[in-house]
Full PDB file with SEQRES, HELIX, SHEET, SSBOND, CRYST1, ORIGX, SCALE, CONECT and MASTER records, all heavy atoms in Angstrom:
SEQRES   1 A   30  ARG ASP LEU LEU PRO LEU VAL ASP ALA VAL ILE ILE ALA          
SEQRES   2 A   30  ALA PRO THR GLY CYS HIS ALA GLN LEU ALA ARG GLU CYS          
SEQRES   3 A   30  LEU ALA GLN GLY                                              
HELIX    1 AA1 LEU A    4  LEU A    6  5                                   3    
HELIX    2 AA2 THR A   16  CYS A   18  5                                   3    
HELIX    3 AA3 HIS A   19  ALA A   28  1                                  10    
CRYST1    1.000    1.000    1.000  90.00  90.00  90.00 P 1           1          
ORIGX1      1.000000  0.000000  0.000000        0.00000                         
ORIGX2      0.000000  1.000000  0.000000        0.00000                         
ORIGX3      0.000000  0.000000  1.000000        0.00000                         
SCALE1      1.000000  0.000000  0.000000        0.00000                         
SCALE2      0.000000  1.000000  0.000000        0.00000                         
SCALE3      0.000000  0.000000  1.000000        0.00000                         
ATOM      1  N   ARG A   1     147.541   0.186  -5.765  1.00  0.00           N  
ATOM      2  CA  ARG A   1     148.975   0.082  -6.030  1.00  0.00           C  
ATOM      3  C   ARG A   1     149.735  -0.528  -4.856  1.00  0.00           C  
ATOM      4  O   ARG A   1     150.824  -1.076  -5.044  1.00  0.00           O  
ATOM      5  CB  ARG A   1     149.538   1.461  -6.384  1.00  0.00           C  
ATOM      6  CG  ARG A   1     149.104   1.933  -7.783  1.00  0.00           C  
ATOM      7  CD  ARG A   1     149.405   3.382  -8.013  1.00  0.00           C  
ATOM      8  NE  ARG A   1     148.521   4.229  -7.209  1.00  0.00           N  
ATOM      9  CZ  ARG A   1     148.376   5.536  -7.409  1.00  0.00           C  
ATOM     10  NH1 ARG A   1     149.046   6.137  -8.372  1.00  0.00           N  
ATOM     11  NH2 ARG A   1     147.573   6.234  -6.640  1.00  0.00           N  
ATOM     12  N   ASP A   2     149.146  -0.453  -3.660  1.00  0.00           N  
ATOM     13  CA  ASP A   2     149.769  -1.106  -2.507  1.00  0.00           C  
ATOM     14  C   ASP A   2     149.594  -2.621  -2.548  1.00  0.00           C  
ATOM     15  O   ASP A   2     150.320  -3.349  -1.873  1.00  0.00           O  
ATOM     16  CB  ASP A   2     149.161  -0.565  -1.202  1.00  0.00           C  
ATOM     17  CG  ASP A   2     149.459   0.912  -0.998  1.00  0.00           C  
ATOM     18  OD1 ASP A   2     150.496   1.380  -1.509  1.00  0.00           O  
ATOM     19  OD2 ASP A   2     148.639   1.592  -0.341  1.00  0.00           O  
ATOM     20  N   LEU A   3     148.629  -3.070  -3.348  1.00  0.00           N  
ATOM     21  CA  LEU A   3     148.319  -4.499  -3.433  1.00  0.00           C  
ATOM     22  C   LEU A   3     149.178  -5.215  -4.477  1.00  0.00           C  
ATOM     23  O   LEU A   3     149.515  -6.387  -4.324  1.00  0.00           O  
ATOM     24  CB  LEU A   3     146.832  -4.659  -3.770  1.00  0.00           C  
ATOM     25  CG  LEU A   3     146.123  -5.988  -3.517  1.00  0.00           C  
ATOM     26  CD1 LEU A   3     146.215  -6.374  -2.047  1.00  0.00           C  
ATOM     27  CD2 LEU A   3     144.664  -5.870  -3.956  1.00  0.00           C  
ATOM     28  N   LEU A   4     149.543  -4.495  -5.539  1.00  0.00           N  
ATOM     29  CA  LEU A   4     150.172  -5.138  -6.699  1.00  0.00           C  
ATOM     30  C   LEU A   4     151.479  -5.856  -6.397  1.00  0.00           C  
ATOM     31  O   LEU A   4     151.715  -6.948  -6.931  1.00  0.00           O  
ATOM     32  CB  LEU A   4     150.367  -4.109  -7.822  1.00  0.00           C  
ATOM     33  CG  LEU A   4     149.075  -3.543  -8.432  1.00  0.00           C  
ATOM     34  CD1 LEU A   4     149.396  -2.645  -9.622  1.00  0.00           C  
ATOM     35  CD2 LEU A   4     148.130  -4.654  -8.860  1.00  0.00           C  
ATOM     36  N   PRO A   5     152.382  -5.311  -5.567  1.00  0.00           N  
ATOM     37  CA  PRO A   5     153.635  -6.039  -5.320  1.00  0.00           C  
ATOM     38  C   PRO A   5     153.432  -7.379  -4.612  1.00  0.00           C  
ATOM     39  O   PRO A   5     154.348  -8.210  -4.604  1.00  0.00           O  
ATOM     40  CB  PRO A   5     154.438  -5.069  -4.432  1.00  0.00           C  
ATOM     41  CG  PRO A   5     153.836  -3.737  -4.655  1.00  0.00           C  
ATOM     42  CD  PRO A   5     152.384  -3.994  -4.896  1.00  0.00           C  
ATOM     43  N   LEU A   6     152.257  -7.607  -4.036  1.00  0.00           N  
ATOM     44  CA  LEU A   6     152.022  -8.797  -3.214  1.00  0.00           C  
ATOM     45  C   LEU A   6     151.315  -9.917  -3.963  1.00  0.00           C  
ATOM     46  O   LEU A   6     151.138 -11.003  -3.405  1.00  0.00           O  
ATOM     47  CB  LEU A   6     151.170  -8.413  -1.991  1.00  0.00           C  
ATOM     48  CG  LEU A   6     151.666  -7.227  -1.144  1.00  0.00           C  
ATOM     49  CD1 LEU A   6     150.646  -6.907  -0.058  1.00  0.00           C  
ATOM     50  CD2 LEU A   6     153.026  -7.528  -0.552  1.00  0.00           C  
ATOM     51  N   VAL A   7     150.908  -9.682  -5.206  1.00  0.00           N  
ATOM     52  CA  VAL A   7     150.047 -10.647  -5.892  1.00  0.00           C  
ATOM     53  C   VAL A   7     150.630 -11.073  -7.230  1.00  0.00           C  
ATOM     54  O   VAL A   7     151.493 -10.407  -7.803  1.00  0.00           O  
ATOM     55  CB  VAL A   7     148.621 -10.067  -6.105  1.00  0.00           C  
ATOM     56  CG1 VAL A   7     147.989  -9.691  -4.773  1.00  0.00           C  
ATOM     57  CG2 VAL A   7     148.656  -8.867  -7.046  1.00  0.00           C  
ATOM     58  N   ASP A   8     150.124 -12.208  -7.728  1.00  0.00           N  
ATOM     59  CA  ASP A   8     150.438 -12.696  -9.074  1.00  0.00           C  
ATOM     60  C   ASP A   8     149.377 -12.251 -10.080  1.00  0.00           C  
ATOM     61  O   ASP A   8     149.661 -12.124 -11.268  1.00  0.00           O  
ATOM     62  CB  ASP A   8     150.493 -14.223  -9.092  1.00  0.00           C  
ATOM     63  CG  ASP A   8     151.428 -14.788  -8.046  1.00  0.00           C  
ATOM     64  OD1 ASP A   8     152.617 -14.425  -8.065  1.00  0.00           O  
ATOM     65  OD2 ASP A   8     150.968 -15.580  -7.196  1.00  0.00           O  
ATOM     66  N   ALA A   9     148.143 -12.076  -9.593  1.00  0.00           N  
ATOM     67  CA  ALA A   9     147.014 -11.784 -10.480  1.00  0.00           C  
ATOM     68  C   ALA A   9     146.001 -10.923  -9.752  1.00  0.00           C  
ATOM     69  O   ALA A   9     145.971 -10.895  -8.513  1.00  0.00           O  
ATOM     70  CB  ALA A   9     146.361 -13.088 -10.942  1.00  0.00           C  
ATOM     71  N   VAL A  10     145.168 -10.231 -10.528  1.00  0.00           N  
ATOM     72  CA  VAL A  10     144.125  -9.388  -9.944  1.00  0.00           C  
ATOM     73  C   VAL A  10     142.807  -9.632 -10.660  1.00  0.00           C  
ATOM     74  O   VAL A  10     142.772 -10.007 -11.831  1.00  0.00           O  
ATOM     75  CB  VAL A  10     144.466  -7.877 -10.017  1.00  0.00           C  
ATOM     76  CG1 VAL A  10     145.693  -7.547  -9.195  1.00  0.00           C  
ATOM     77  CG2 VAL A  10     144.648  -7.434 -11.461  1.00  0.00           C  
ATOM     78  N   ILE A  11     141.730  -9.414  -9.918  1.00  0.00           N  
ATOM     79  CA  ILE A  11     140.390  -9.337 -10.503  1.00  0.00           C  
ATOM     80  C   ILE A  11     139.937  -7.893 -10.366  1.00  0.00           C  
ATOM     81  O   ILE A  11     139.939  -7.343  -9.256  1.00  0.00           O  
ATOM     82  CB  ILE A  11     139.410 -10.276  -9.794  1.00  0.00           C  
ATOM     83  CG1 ILE A  11     139.825 -11.733 -10.010  1.00  0.00           C  
ATOM     84  CG2 ILE A  11     137.984 -10.057 -10.294  1.00  0.00           C  
ATOM     85  CD1 ILE A  11     138.952 -12.733  -9.280  1.00  0.00           C  
ATOM     86  N   ILE A  12     139.576  -7.276 -11.481  1.00  0.00           N  
ATOM     87  CA  ILE A  12     139.151  -5.880 -11.481  1.00  0.00           C  
ATOM     88  C   ILE A  12     137.639  -5.829 -11.585  1.00  0.00           C  
ATOM     89  O   ILE A  12     137.061  -6.198 -12.607  1.00  0.00           O  
ATOM     90  CB  ILE A  12     139.808  -5.096 -12.627  1.00  0.00           C  
ATOM     91  CG1 ILE A  12     141.335  -5.111 -12.475  1.00  0.00           C  
ATOM     92  CG2 ILE A  12     139.285  -3.668 -12.671  1.00  0.00           C  
ATOM     93  CD1 ILE A  12     142.079  -4.457 -13.626  1.00  0.00           C  
ATOM     94  N   ALA A  13     136.992  -5.403 -10.495  1.00  0.00           N  
ATOM     95  CA  ALA A  13     135.532  -5.273 -10.454  1.00  0.00           C  
ATOM     96  C   ALA A  13     135.163  -3.851 -10.073  1.00  0.00           C  
ATOM     97  O   ALA A  13     134.220  -3.620  -9.320  1.00  0.00           O  
ATOM     98  CB  ALA A  13     134.942  -6.278  -9.469  1.00  0.00           C  
ATOM     99  N   ALA A  14     135.931  -2.901 -10.592  1.00  0.00           N  
ATOM    100  CA  ALA A  14     135.710  -1.478 -10.334  1.00  0.00           C  
ATOM    101  C   ALA A  14     134.706  -0.927 -11.348  1.00  0.00           C  
ATOM    102  O   ALA A  14     134.316  -1.621 -12.294  1.00  0.00           O  
ATOM    103  CB  ALA A  14     137.042  -0.739 -10.430  1.00  0.00           C  
ATOM    104  N   PRO A  15     134.256   0.338 -11.191  1.00  0.00           N  
ATOM    105  CA  PRO A  15     133.364   0.934 -12.189  1.00  0.00           C  
ATOM    106  C   PRO A  15     133.984   0.919 -13.586  1.00  0.00           C  
ATOM    107  O   PRO A  15     135.214   0.977 -13.740  1.00  0.00           O  
ATOM    108  CB  PRO A  15     133.188   2.371 -11.677  1.00  0.00           C  
ATOM    109  CG  PRO A  15     133.373   2.256 -10.198  1.00  0.00           C  
ATOM    110  CD  PRO A  15     134.425   1.206 -10.013  1.00  0.00           C  
ATOM    111  N   THR A  16     133.130   0.847 -14.603  1.00  0.00           N  
ATOM    112  CA  THR A  16     133.585   0.671 -15.985  1.00  0.00           C  
ATOM    113  C   THR A  16     134.561   1.747 -16.421  1.00  0.00           C  
ATOM    114  O   THR A  16     135.521   1.465 -17.152  1.00  0.00           O  
ATOM    115  CB  THR A  16     132.374   0.650 -16.932  1.00  0.00           C  
ATOM    116  OG1 THR A  16     131.498  -0.417 -16.539  1.00  0.00           O  
ATOM    117  CG2 THR A  16     132.798   0.441 -18.365  1.00  0.00           C  
ATOM    118  N   GLY A  17     134.351   2.974 -15.981  1.00  0.00           N  
ATOM    119  CA  GLY A  17     135.233   4.063 -16.386  1.00  0.00           C  
ATOM    120  C   GLY A  17     136.675   3.864 -15.981  1.00  0.00           C  
ATOM    121  O   GLY A  17     137.586   4.470 -16.556  1.00  0.00           O  
ATOM    122  N   CYS A  18     136.918   2.999 -14.994  1.00  0.00           N  
ATOM    123  CA  CYS A  18     138.282   2.731 -14.505  1.00  0.00           C  
ATOM    124  C   CYS A  18     138.904   1.498 -15.144  1.00  0.00           C  
ATOM    125  O   CYS A  18     140.087   1.215 -14.920  1.00  0.00           O  
ATOM    126  CB  CYS A  18     138.268   2.537 -12.991  1.00  0.00           C  
ATOM    127  SG  CYS A  18     137.489   3.853 -12.045  1.00  0.00           S  
ATOM    128  N   HIS A  19     138.139   0.729 -15.895  1.00  0.00           N  
ATOM    129  CA  HIS A  19     138.604  -0.574 -16.364  1.00  0.00           C  
ATOM    130  C   HIS A  19     139.912  -0.496 -17.145  1.00  0.00           C  
ATOM    131  O   HIS A  19     140.883  -1.201 -16.839  1.00  0.00           O  
ATOM    132  CB  HIS A  19     137.532  -1.240 -17.230  1.00  0.00           C  
ATOM    133  CG  HIS A  19     136.442  -1.874 -16.433  1.00  0.00           C  
ATOM    134  ND1 HIS A  19     135.465  -2.670 -16.999  1.00  0.00           N  
ATOM    135  CD2 HIS A  19     136.149  -1.827 -15.112  1.00  0.00           C  
ATOM    136  CE1 HIS A  19     134.638  -3.084 -16.060  1.00  0.00           C  
ATOM    137  NE2 HIS A  19     135.039  -2.575 -14.909  1.00  0.00           N  
ATOM    138  N   ALA A  20     139.942   0.329 -18.185  1.00  0.00           N  
ATOM    139  CA  ALA A  20     141.092   0.355 -19.080  1.00  0.00           C  
ATOM    140  C   ALA A  20     142.352   0.799 -18.344  1.00  0.00           C  
ATOM    141  O   ALA A  20     143.413   0.183 -18.487  1.00  0.00           O  
ATOM    142  CB  ALA A  20     140.809   1.269 -20.270  1.00  0.00           C  
ATOM    143  N   GLN A  21     142.250   1.854 -17.559  1.00  0.00           N  
ATOM    144  CA  GLN A  21     143.417   2.373 -16.854  1.00  0.00           C  
ATOM    145  C   GLN A  21     143.968   1.354 -15.849  1.00  0.00           C  
ATOM    146  O   GLN A  21     145.177   1.100 -15.792  1.00  0.00           O  
ATOM    147  CB  GLN A  21     143.076   3.675 -16.132  1.00  0.00           C  
ATOM    148  CG  GLN A  21     144.239   4.248 -15.331  1.00  0.00           C  
ATOM    149  CD  GLN A  21     143.844   5.481 -14.529  1.00  0.00           C  
ATOM    150  OE1 GLN A  21     142.782   6.046 -14.747  1.00  0.00           O  
ATOM    151  NE2 GLN A  21     144.693   5.879 -13.614  1.00  0.00           N  
ATOM    152  N   LEU A  22     143.081   0.759 -15.058  1.00  0.00           N  
ATOM    153  CA  LEU A  22     143.519  -0.213 -14.063  1.00  0.00           C  
ATOM    154  C   LEU A  22     144.147  -1.439 -14.724  1.00  0.00           C  
ATOM    155  O   LEU A  22     145.192  -1.934 -14.272  1.00  0.00           O  
ATOM    156  CB  LEU A  22     142.335  -0.639 -13.202  1.00  0.00           C  
ATOM    157  CG  LEU A  22     141.819   0.390 -12.195  1.00  0.00           C  
ATOM    158  CD1 LEU A  22     140.510  -0.095 -11.568  1.00  0.00           C  
ATOM    159  CD2 LEU A  22     142.855   0.661 -11.111  1.00  0.00           C  
ATOM    160  N   ALA A  23     143.522  -1.926 -15.779  1.00  0.00           N  
ATOM    161  CA  ALA A  23     144.055  -3.108 -16.460  1.00  0.00           C  
ATOM    162  C   ALA A  23     145.420  -2.819 -17.076  1.00  0.00           C  
ATOM    163  O   ALA A  23     146.330  -3.666 -17.006  1.00  0.00           O  
ATOM    164  CB  ALA A  23     143.074  -3.582 -17.534  1.00  0.00           C  
ATOM    165  N   ARG A  24     145.592  -1.643 -17.673  1.00  0.00           N  
ATOM    166  CA  ARG A  24     146.897  -1.288 -18.251  1.00  0.00           C  
ATOM    167  C   ARG A  24     147.976  -1.251 -17.173  1.00  0.00           C  
ATOM    168  O   ARG A  24     149.088  -1.740 -17.362  1.00  0.00           O  
ATOM    169  CB  ARG A  24     146.815   0.058 -18.969  1.00  0.00           C  
ATOM    170  CG  ARG A  24     146.098   0.019 -20.305  1.00  0.00           C  
ATOM    171  CD  ARG A  24     146.426   1.236 -21.145  1.00  0.00           C  
ATOM    172  NE  ARG A  24     146.118   2.480 -20.442  1.00  0.00           N  
ATOM    173  CZ  ARG A  24     144.957   3.131 -20.523  1.00  0.00           C  
ATOM    174  NH1 ARG A  24     143.989   2.632 -21.301  1.00  0.00           N  
ATOM    175  NH2 ARG A  24     144.748   4.251 -19.864  1.00  0.00           N  
ATOM    176  N   GLU A  25     147.648  -0.655 -16.025  1.00  0.00           N  
ATOM    177  CA  GLU A  25     148.599  -0.585 -14.917  1.00  0.00           C  
ATOM    178  C   GLU A  25     149.037  -1.980 -14.473  1.00  0.00           C  
ATOM    179  O   GLU A  25     150.231  -2.235 -14.276  1.00  0.00           O  
ATOM    180  CB  GLU A  25     147.964   0.132 -13.715  1.00  0.00           C  
ATOM    181  CG  GLU A  25     148.139   1.623 -13.694  1.00  0.00           C  
ATOM    182  CD  GLU A  25     147.625   2.198 -12.384  1.00  0.00           C  
ATOM    183  OE1 GLU A  25     148.136   1.817 -11.316  1.00  0.00           O  
ATOM    184  OE2 GLU A  25     146.694   3.026 -12.439  1.00  0.00           O  
ATOM    185  N   CYS A  26     148.063  -2.853 -14.299  1.00  0.00           N  
ATOM    186  CA  CYS A  26     148.363  -4.195 -13.796  1.00  0.00           C  
ATOM    187  C   CYS A  26     149.161  -5.000 -14.818  1.00  0.00           C  
ATOM    188  O   CYS A  26     150.134  -5.689 -14.459  1.00  0.00           O  
ATOM    189  CB  CYS A  26     147.076  -4.920 -13.433  1.00  0.00           C  
ATOM    190  SG  CYS A  26     146.152  -4.138 -12.090  1.00  0.00           S  
ATOM    191  N   LEU A  27     148.784  -4.929 -16.087  1.00  0.00           N  
ATOM    192  CA  LEU A  27     149.510  -5.658 -17.124  1.00  0.00           C  
ATOM    193  C   LEU A  27     150.942  -5.147 -17.246  1.00  0.00           C  
ATOM    194  O   LEU A  27     151.873  -5.931 -17.483  1.00  0.00           O  
ATOM    195  CB  LEU A  27     148.787  -5.528 -18.465  1.00  0.00           C  
ATOM    196  CG  LEU A  27     147.439  -6.255 -18.589  1.00  0.00           C  
ATOM    197  CD1 LEU A  27     146.725  -5.838 -19.866  1.00  0.00           C  
ATOM    198  CD2 LEU A  27     147.631  -7.771 -18.563  1.00  0.00           C  
ATOM    199  N   ALA A  28     151.121  -3.830 -17.092  1.00  0.00           N  
ATOM    200  CA  ALA A  28     152.458  -3.246 -17.186  1.00  0.00           C  
ATOM    201  C   ALA A  28     153.385  -3.786 -16.104  1.00  0.00           C  
ATOM    202  O   ALA A  28     154.604  -3.833 -16.284  1.00  0.00           O  
ATOM    203  CB  ALA A  28     152.372  -1.724 -17.090  1.00  0.00           C  
ATOM    204  N   GLN A  29     152.824  -4.194 -14.974  1.00  0.00           N  
ATOM    205  CA  GLN A  29     153.624  -4.773 -13.892  1.00  0.00           C  
ATOM    206  C   GLN A  29     153.659  -6.302 -13.940  1.00  0.00           C  
ATOM    207  O   GLN A  29     154.080  -6.954 -12.989  1.00  0.00           O  
ATOM    208  CB  GLN A  29     153.085  -4.295 -12.543  1.00  0.00           C  
ATOM    209  CG  GLN A  29     153.238  -2.796 -12.333  1.00  0.00           C  
ATOM    210  CD  GLN A  29     153.050  -2.399 -10.883  1.00  0.00           C  
ATOM    211  OE1 GLN A  29     153.389  -3.144  -9.964  1.00  0.00           O  
ATOM    212  NE2 GLN A  29     152.495  -1.214 -10.671  1.00  0.00           N  
ATOM    213  N   GLY A  30     153.187  -6.863 -15.057  1.00  0.00           N  
ATOM    214  CA  GLY A  30     153.251  -8.315 -15.236  1.00  0.00           C  
ATOM    215  C   GLY A  30     152.210  -9.084 -14.464  1.00  0.00           C  
ATOM    216  O   GLY A  30     152.354 -10.302 -14.267  1.00  0.00           O  
TER     217      GLY A  30                                                      
MASTER        0    0    0    3    0    0    0    6  216    1    0    3          
END                                                                             
């Protein structure tokens, strides 16, 4: 969450169990 205000896009290469939650968070912030 400290990274999101600084970027336009993210690559999520975390464990599968985190995929949906992390992607929803990032999409919600555009």
